Amino acid sequence: MPPFTRREFVVTSLAAGFAAAVRPVSAQTVVTTDSDGLIAGEVKIPAGGGEIPGYRAMPASGKSFPVVLVVQEIFGVHEHIRDVCRRFAKLGHLAVAPELFARQGDVSKIADAQEIVATVVSKVPDAQVMSDLDATVAWAGKTGGNVAKLGITGFCWGGRIVWLYAAHNPQLKAGVAWYGRLVGQPTANSPRNPVDWAYQLKCPVLGLYGGADQGIPVATIDQMKAAAAAAGKAKQVEFFIYEGVPHGFNADYRPSYRKEAAEDGWRRMLAFFKAHGVS
């Protein structure tokens, strides 16, 4: 992968609040986690010729915390993703969400989701994302995290990245993918999809999906299971499908939120991480 120079970083700090494309938020359902007892806030992560901004939360006392990478939706590291980091920190983790679109554009100010995908997200190479996540792991290991207990979780766009990173980094103990796309047409920036990497999975991955997700048919989950089985990786792949539940069911700030499924998914994620050494 070519080196990235400092001038190629478009986003140098995180925007406050929620991304423009998701406003107005569904205020009555938003989960808000305070930072009492935590060290929480924006950080700078050395990566590929410069620094990417990110959000880190961890307990204010103690050391050598299990590390969880939190991977954003297409809306970037906005308030929802930051809150997820604080939820993990309250449970004793160092959780960090790097802004993985930092070189391609600031999605926080774009009001249309399709425009976000066309002008920014589609231009983000998978190889760049893997490199930036590796850099984030290295940074976390130097700033209070125990990367021998490394997990990753992500949502939508980030759910797909969870699968790719589980095939990329042998340090990873476990991944939990929330409604991440599994198949798709290859592009220059995304030449392979999770189903194509099943044979390379290096750790167990739990997939949490909605049975009524219009963009991710259950048949594609079956494809992923079959690919993993064919590669002798069937035990590395676990799915839980919430029947009648749409895409984005953990997004408590959007109409797609489904409280029961979101809370159950959170419990399953924590249990999965604990079972595989991310605790």
Protein backbone atom coordinates (compact mmCIF):
# COMPACT_ATOMS: atom_id res chain seq x y z
CA MET A 1 0.00 0.00 0.00
CA PRO A 2 1.40 3.46 -0.85
CA PRO A 3 2.41 5.75 2.00
CA PHE A 4 -0.04 8.44 3.04
CA THR A 5 1.26 11.96 3.54
CA ARG A 6 0.09 14.36 6.22
CA ARG A 7 -1.57 16.68 3.70
CA GLU A 8 -3.87 13.85 2.65
CA PHE A 9 -5.71 13.98 5.98
CA VAL A 10 -8.95 15.89 5.37
CA VAL A 11 -10.42 15.36 8.85
CA THR A 12 -8.15 16.39 11.71
CA SER A 13 -10.69 16.57 14.53
CA LEU A 14 -14.06 15.06 15.35
CA ALA A 15 -17.29 17.00 14.96
CA ALA A 16 -19.51 17.45 17.99
CA GLY A 17 -22.88 15.77 18.39
CA PHE A 18 -24.64 13.67 15.77
CA ALA A 19 -23.91 13.62 12.05
CA ALA A 20 -26.05 15.91 9.89
CA ALA A 21 -27.50 12.98 7.94
CA VAL A 22 -29.18 11.51 11.03
CA ARG A 23 -30.77 14.68 12.41
CA PRO A 24 -33.21 15.14 13.93
CA VAL A 25 -32.38 12.24 16.23
CA SER A 26 -35.02 10.15 17.99
CA ALA A 27 -34.32 11.83 21.32
CA GLN A 28 -36.70 9.66 23.31
CA THR A 29 -34.68 6.50 22.60
CA VAL A 30 -31.08 7.79 22.61
CA VAL A 31 -28.88 5.95 25.11
CA THR A 32 -26.61 8.40 26.91
CA THR A 33 -23.63 7.18 28.90
CA ASP A 34 -21.80 9.65 31.12
CA SER A 35 -18.02 9.84 31.50
CA ASP A 36 -17.95 9.71 35.31
CA GLY A 37 -15.03 7.56 36.39
CA LEU A 38 -13.62 7.53 32.88
CA ILE A 39 -10.91 9.10 30.81
CA ALA A 40 -12.85 9.89 27.67
CA GLY A 41 -12.34 12.22 24.73
CA GLU A 42 -10.74 12.86 21.39
CA VAL A 43 -7.28 11.48 20.71
CA LYS A 44 -4.76 11.62 17.88
CA ILE A 45 -3.56 8.31 16.49
CA PRO A 46 -0.32 8.15 14.46
CA ALA A 47 -1.16 6.41 11.22
CA GLY A 48 0.27 6.29 7.71
CA GLY A 49 2.20 9.54 7.47
CA GLY A 50 0.19 11.65 9.89
CA GLU A 51 -2.48 11.42 12.55
CA ILE A 52 -6.12 10.40 12.44
CA PRO A 53 -8.55 11.65 15.08
CA GLY A 54 -10.40 9.17 17.20
CA TYR A 55 -12.42 8.81 20.36
CA ARG A 56 -11.07 6.84 23.31
CA ALA A 57 -12.74 5.92 26.59
CA MET A 58 -11.25 3.88 29.45
CA PRO A 59 -11.50 3.66 33.23
CA ALA A 60 -9.83 6.54 35.07
CA SER A 61 -7.99 4.14 37.37
CA GLY A 62 -6.20 0.89 36.73
CA LYS A 63 -4.09 -0.29 33.83
CA SER A 64 -3.72 -2.89 31.12
CA PHE A 65 -7.35 -2.78 30.02
CA PRO A 66 -8.75 -5.16 27.39
CA VAL A 67 -8.99 -3.29 24.09
CA VAL A 68 -12.09 -3.03 21.91
CA LEU A 69 -11.91 -1.35 18.50
CA VAL A 70 -15.26 0.29 17.71
CA VAL A 71 -15.83 0.74 13.99
CA GLN A 72 -18.18 3.44 12.77
CA GLU A 73 -21.22 3.36 10.50
CA ILE A 74 -21.13 5.52 7.35
CA PHE A 75 -21.83 8.54 9.58
CA GLY A 76 -18.35 8.59 11.08
CA VAL A 77 -17.31 8.81 14.72
CA HIS A 78 -20.32 10.83 15.84
CA GLU A 79 -22.04 10.85 19.22
CA HIS A 80 -23.57 7.37 18.97
CA ILE A 81 -20.20 5.72 18.34
CA ARG A 82 -18.61 7.76 21.12
CA ASP A 83 -21.34 6.62 23.49
CA VAL A 84 -20.66 2.98 22.58
CA CYS A 85 -17.03 3.55 23.57
CA ARG A 86 -18.11 4.91 26.96
CA ARG A 87 -20.37 1.90 27.50
CA PHE A 88 -17.38 -0.40 27.04
CA ALA A 89 -15.20 1.75 29.28
CA LYS A 90 -17.76 1.53 32.08
CA LEU A 91 -17.23 -2.25 31.90
CA GLY A 92 -13.45 -1.98 32.22
CA HIS A 93 -12.30 -1.80 28.60
CA LEU A 94 -10.22 0.64 26.66
CA ALA A 95 -12.51 1.33 23.71
CA VAL A 96 -11.30 3.38 20.78
CA ALA A 97 -13.02 4.47 17.57
CA PRO A 98 -10.61 5.86 14.95
CA GLU A 99 -12.09 8.13 12.27
CA LEU A 100 -11.50 5.83 9.32
CA PHE A 101 -12.69 8.30 6.69
CA ALA A 102 -10.15 10.95 7.76
CA ARG A 103 -8.30 10.99 4.44
CA GLN A 104 -11.36 10.97 2.19
CA GLY A 105 -13.75 13.49 3.71
CA ASP A 106 -15.82 14.84 6.58
CA VAL A 107 -19.12 12.96 6.57
CA SER A 108 -20.42 14.75 9.66
CA LYS A 109 -21.62 17.75 7.65
CA ILE A 110 -23.20 15.89 4.71
CA ALA A 111 -26.96 15.71 5.12
CA ASP A 112 -27.72 12.97 2.59
CA ALA A 113 -26.69 9.35 3.23
CA GLN A 114 -26.40 8.51 -0.46
CA GLU A 115 -24.07 11.47 -0.95
CA ILE A 116 -21.95 10.24 1.97
CA VAL A 117 -21.51 6.89 0.26
CA ALA A 118 -20.83 8.35 -3.19
CA THR A 119 -18.44 11.13 -2.23
CA VAL A 120 -16.59 9.64 0.74
CA VAL A 121 -17.23 6.05 1.77
CA SER A 122 -16.84 4.53 -1.70
CA LYS A 123 -13.39 6.15 -1.92
CA VAL A 124 -12.03 4.54 1.25
CA PRO A 125 -9.79 1.55 0.40
CA ASP A 126 -10.14 -1.56 2.52
CA ALA A 127 -6.34 -1.78 2.65
CA GLN A 128 -6.17 1.70 4.16
CA VAL A 129 -8.74 0.75 6.80
CA MET A 130 -6.80 -2.37 7.77
CA SER A 131 -3.62 -0.30 8.10
CA ASP A 132 -5.33 2.37 10.20
CA LEU A 133 -6.83 -0.25 12.51
CA ASP A 134 -3.38 -1.82 12.92
CA ALA A 135 -2.04 1.63 13.83
CA THR A 136 -4.87 2.07 16.33
CA VAL A 137 -4.04 -1.25 17.99
CA ALA A 138 -0.39 -0.23 18.29
CA TRP A 139 -1.41 3.12 19.78
CA ALA A 140 -3.81 1.47 22.25
CA GLY A 141 -1.07 -0.86 23.43
CA LYS A 142 1.06 2.15 24.35
CA THR A 143 -1.69 4.13 26.09
CA GLY A 144 -3.12 1.79 28.71
CA GLY A 145 -4.51 -1.07 26.68
CA ASN A 146 -3.69 -4.77 26.80
CA VAL A 147 -3.69 -5.85 23.15
CA ALA A 148 -3.32 -9.47 24.19
CA LYS A 149 -7.03 -9.08 24.92
CA LEU A 150 -8.13 -7.48 21.66
CA GLY A 151 -11.63 -7.41 20.24
CA ILE A 152 -13.44 -5.49 17.53
CA THR A 153 -17.06 -4.55 16.94
CA GLY A 154 -18.68 -2.44 14.26
CA PHE A 155 -22.01 -1.40 12.83
CA CYS A 156 -23.28 -1.45 9.21
CA TRP A 157 -20.20 -0.31 7.21
CA GLY A 158 -18.21 -1.11 10.33
CA GLY A 159 -19.81 -4.54 10.59
CA ARG A 160 -18.33 -5.46 7.22
CA ILE A 161 -14.96 -4.17 8.42
CA VAL A 162 -15.13 -6.46 11.45
CA TRP A 163 -15.20 -9.49 9.16
CA LEU A 164 -12.30 -8.18 7.08
CA TYR A 165 -10.19 -7.37 10.13
CA ALA A 166 -10.84 -10.82 11.58
CA ALA A 167 -9.24 -12.21 8.43
CA HIS A 168 -6.39 -9.70 8.63
CA ASN A 169 -5.02 -9.48 12.18
CA PRO A 170 -3.85 -12.65 13.97
CA GLN A 171 -3.71 -10.69 17.26
CA LEU A 172 -7.48 -10.43 17.32
CA LYS A 173 -9.28 -12.63 19.85
CA ALA A 174 -12.86 -12.06 18.71
CA GLY A 175 -15.08 -9.87 16.56
CA VAL A 176 -18.75 -8.95 16.71
CA ALA A 177 -20.31 -7.64 13.50
CA TRP A 178 -23.63 -5.82 13.67
CA TYR A 179 -25.49 -6.08 10.33
CA GLY A 180 -22.38 -5.78 8.17
CA ARG A 181 -22.63 -6.60 4.47
CA LEU A 182 -21.19 -10.02 3.59
CA VAL A 183 -21.28 -10.14 -0.21
CA GLY A 184 -21.11 -7.58 -2.98
CA GLN A 185 -19.65 -6.55 -6.29
CA PRO A 186 -15.87 -6.06 -6.11
CA THR A 187 -14.47 -2.57 -6.66
CA ALA A 188 -10.98 -1.16 -6.83
CA ASN A 189 -11.20 -0.03 -3.21
CA SER A 190 -13.09 -3.10 -1.97
CA PRO A 191 -11.80 -5.93 -4.14
CA ARG A 192 -13.03 -8.68 -1.83
CA ASN A 193 -15.90 -9.07 0.59
CA PRO A 194 -16.25 -11.05 3.83
CA VAL A 195 -17.52 -14.14 2.04
CA ASP A 196 -14.30 -14.13 -0.01
CA TRP A 197 -12.15 -13.96 3.12
CA ALA A 198 -13.91 -16.70 5.11
CA TYR A 199 -11.00 -19.07 4.59
CA GLN A 200 -8.64 -16.56 6.22
CA LEU A 201 -10.57 -15.94 9.45
CA LYS A 202 -8.13 -15.84 12.33
CA CYS A 203 -10.58 -15.63 15.23
CA PRO A 204 -14.22 -16.31 16.06
CA VAL A 205 -16.79 -13.79 14.80
CA LEU A 206 -20.36 -13.32 15.95
CA GLY A 207 -22.75 -11.77 13.45
CA LEU A 208 -25.86 -9.98 14.73
CA TYR A 209 -28.37 -9.43 11.93
CA GLY A 210 -31.97 -8.43 11.35
CA GLY A 211 -34.23 -10.91 9.63
CA ALA A 212 -36.07 -8.04 7.92
CA ASP A 213 -32.91 -6.23 6.77
CA GLN A 214 -33.75 -5.14 3.21
CA GLY A 215 -30.10 -4.67 2.26
CA ILE A 216 -28.66 -7.88 3.71
CA PRO A 217 -30.83 -10.86 2.78
CA VAL A 218 -30.68 -13.89 5.05
CA ALA A 219 -29.49 -15.83 2.00
CA THR A 220 -26.19 -13.94 2.15
CA ILE A 221 -25.74 -15.10 5.74
CA ASP A 222 -26.19 -18.64 4.48
CA GLN A 223 -23.51 -17.94 1.86
CA MET A 224 -21.10 -16.84 4.58
CA LYS A 225 -21.83 -19.93 6.65
CA ALA A 226 -21.25 -22.16 3.63
CA ALA A 227 -17.99 -20.42 2.73
CA ALA A 228 -16.72 -20.79 6.28
CA ALA A 229 -17.72 -24.44 6.40
CA ALA A 230 -16.03 -25.15 3.07
CA ALA A 231 -12.83 -23.63 4.44
CA GLY A 232 -12.96 -25.62 7.66
CA LYS A 233 -13.86 -22.47 9.60
CA ALA A 234 -17.43 -23.32 10.58
CA LYS A 235 -16.56 -23.09 14.28
CA GLN A 236 -15.19 -19.58 13.74
CA VAL A 237 -18.54 -18.21 12.57
CA GLU A 238 -21.67 -17.70 14.65
CA PHE A 239 -24.82 -15.79 13.71
CA PHE A 240 -27.90 -14.65 15.55
CA ILE A 241 -30.78 -13.38 13.44
CA TYR A 242 -33.53 -11.23 14.96
CA GLU A 243 -36.68 -12.15 13.10
CA GLY A 244 -38.75 -9.21 11.82
CA VAL A 245 -36.06 -6.72 12.82
CA PRO A 246 -34.67 -4.19 10.30
CA HIS A 247 -31.18 -2.98 9.51
CA GLY A 248 -29.66 -0.58 12.04
CA PHE A 249 -31.53 -1.98 15.01
CA ASN A 250 -28.82 -0.91 17.48
CA ALA A 251 -28.88 2.72 16.29
CA ASP A 252 -30.81 4.14 19.24
CA TYR A 253 -30.93 7.61 17.66
CA ARG A 254 -32.75 6.46 14.49
CA PRO A 255 -36.24 5.10 13.75
CA SER A 256 -34.69 1.71 12.93
CA TYR A 257 -33.87 1.17 16.63
CA ARG A 258 -35.34 -1.91 18.24
CA LYS A 259 -34.70 -1.79 21.97
CA GLU A 260 -35.20 -5.47 22.75
CA ALA A 261 -32.95 -6.67 19.93
CA ALA A 262 -30.31 -4.04 20.68
CA GLU A 263 -30.12 -4.94 24.35
CA ASP A 264 -30.07 -8.65 23.61
CA GLY A 265 -27.33 -8.13 21.02
CA TRP A 266 -25.27 -6.15 23.52
CA ARG A 267 -25.53 -8.99 26.05
CA ARG A 268 -24.58 -11.56 23.42
CA MET A 269 -21.60 -9.44 22.36
CA LEU A 270 -20.27 -9.12 25.89
CA ALA A 271 -20.68 -12.84 26.52
CA PHE A 272 -18.91 -13.62 23.24
CA PHE A 273 -16.01 -11.34 24.10
CA LYS A 274 -15.71 -12.85 27.57
CA ALA A 275 -15.74 -16.39 26.19
CA HIS A 276 -12.90 -15.55 23.82
CA GLY A 277 -10.59 -13.60 26.10
CA VAL A 278 -11.61 -9.98 25.52
CA SER A 279 -12.22 -9.21 29.19
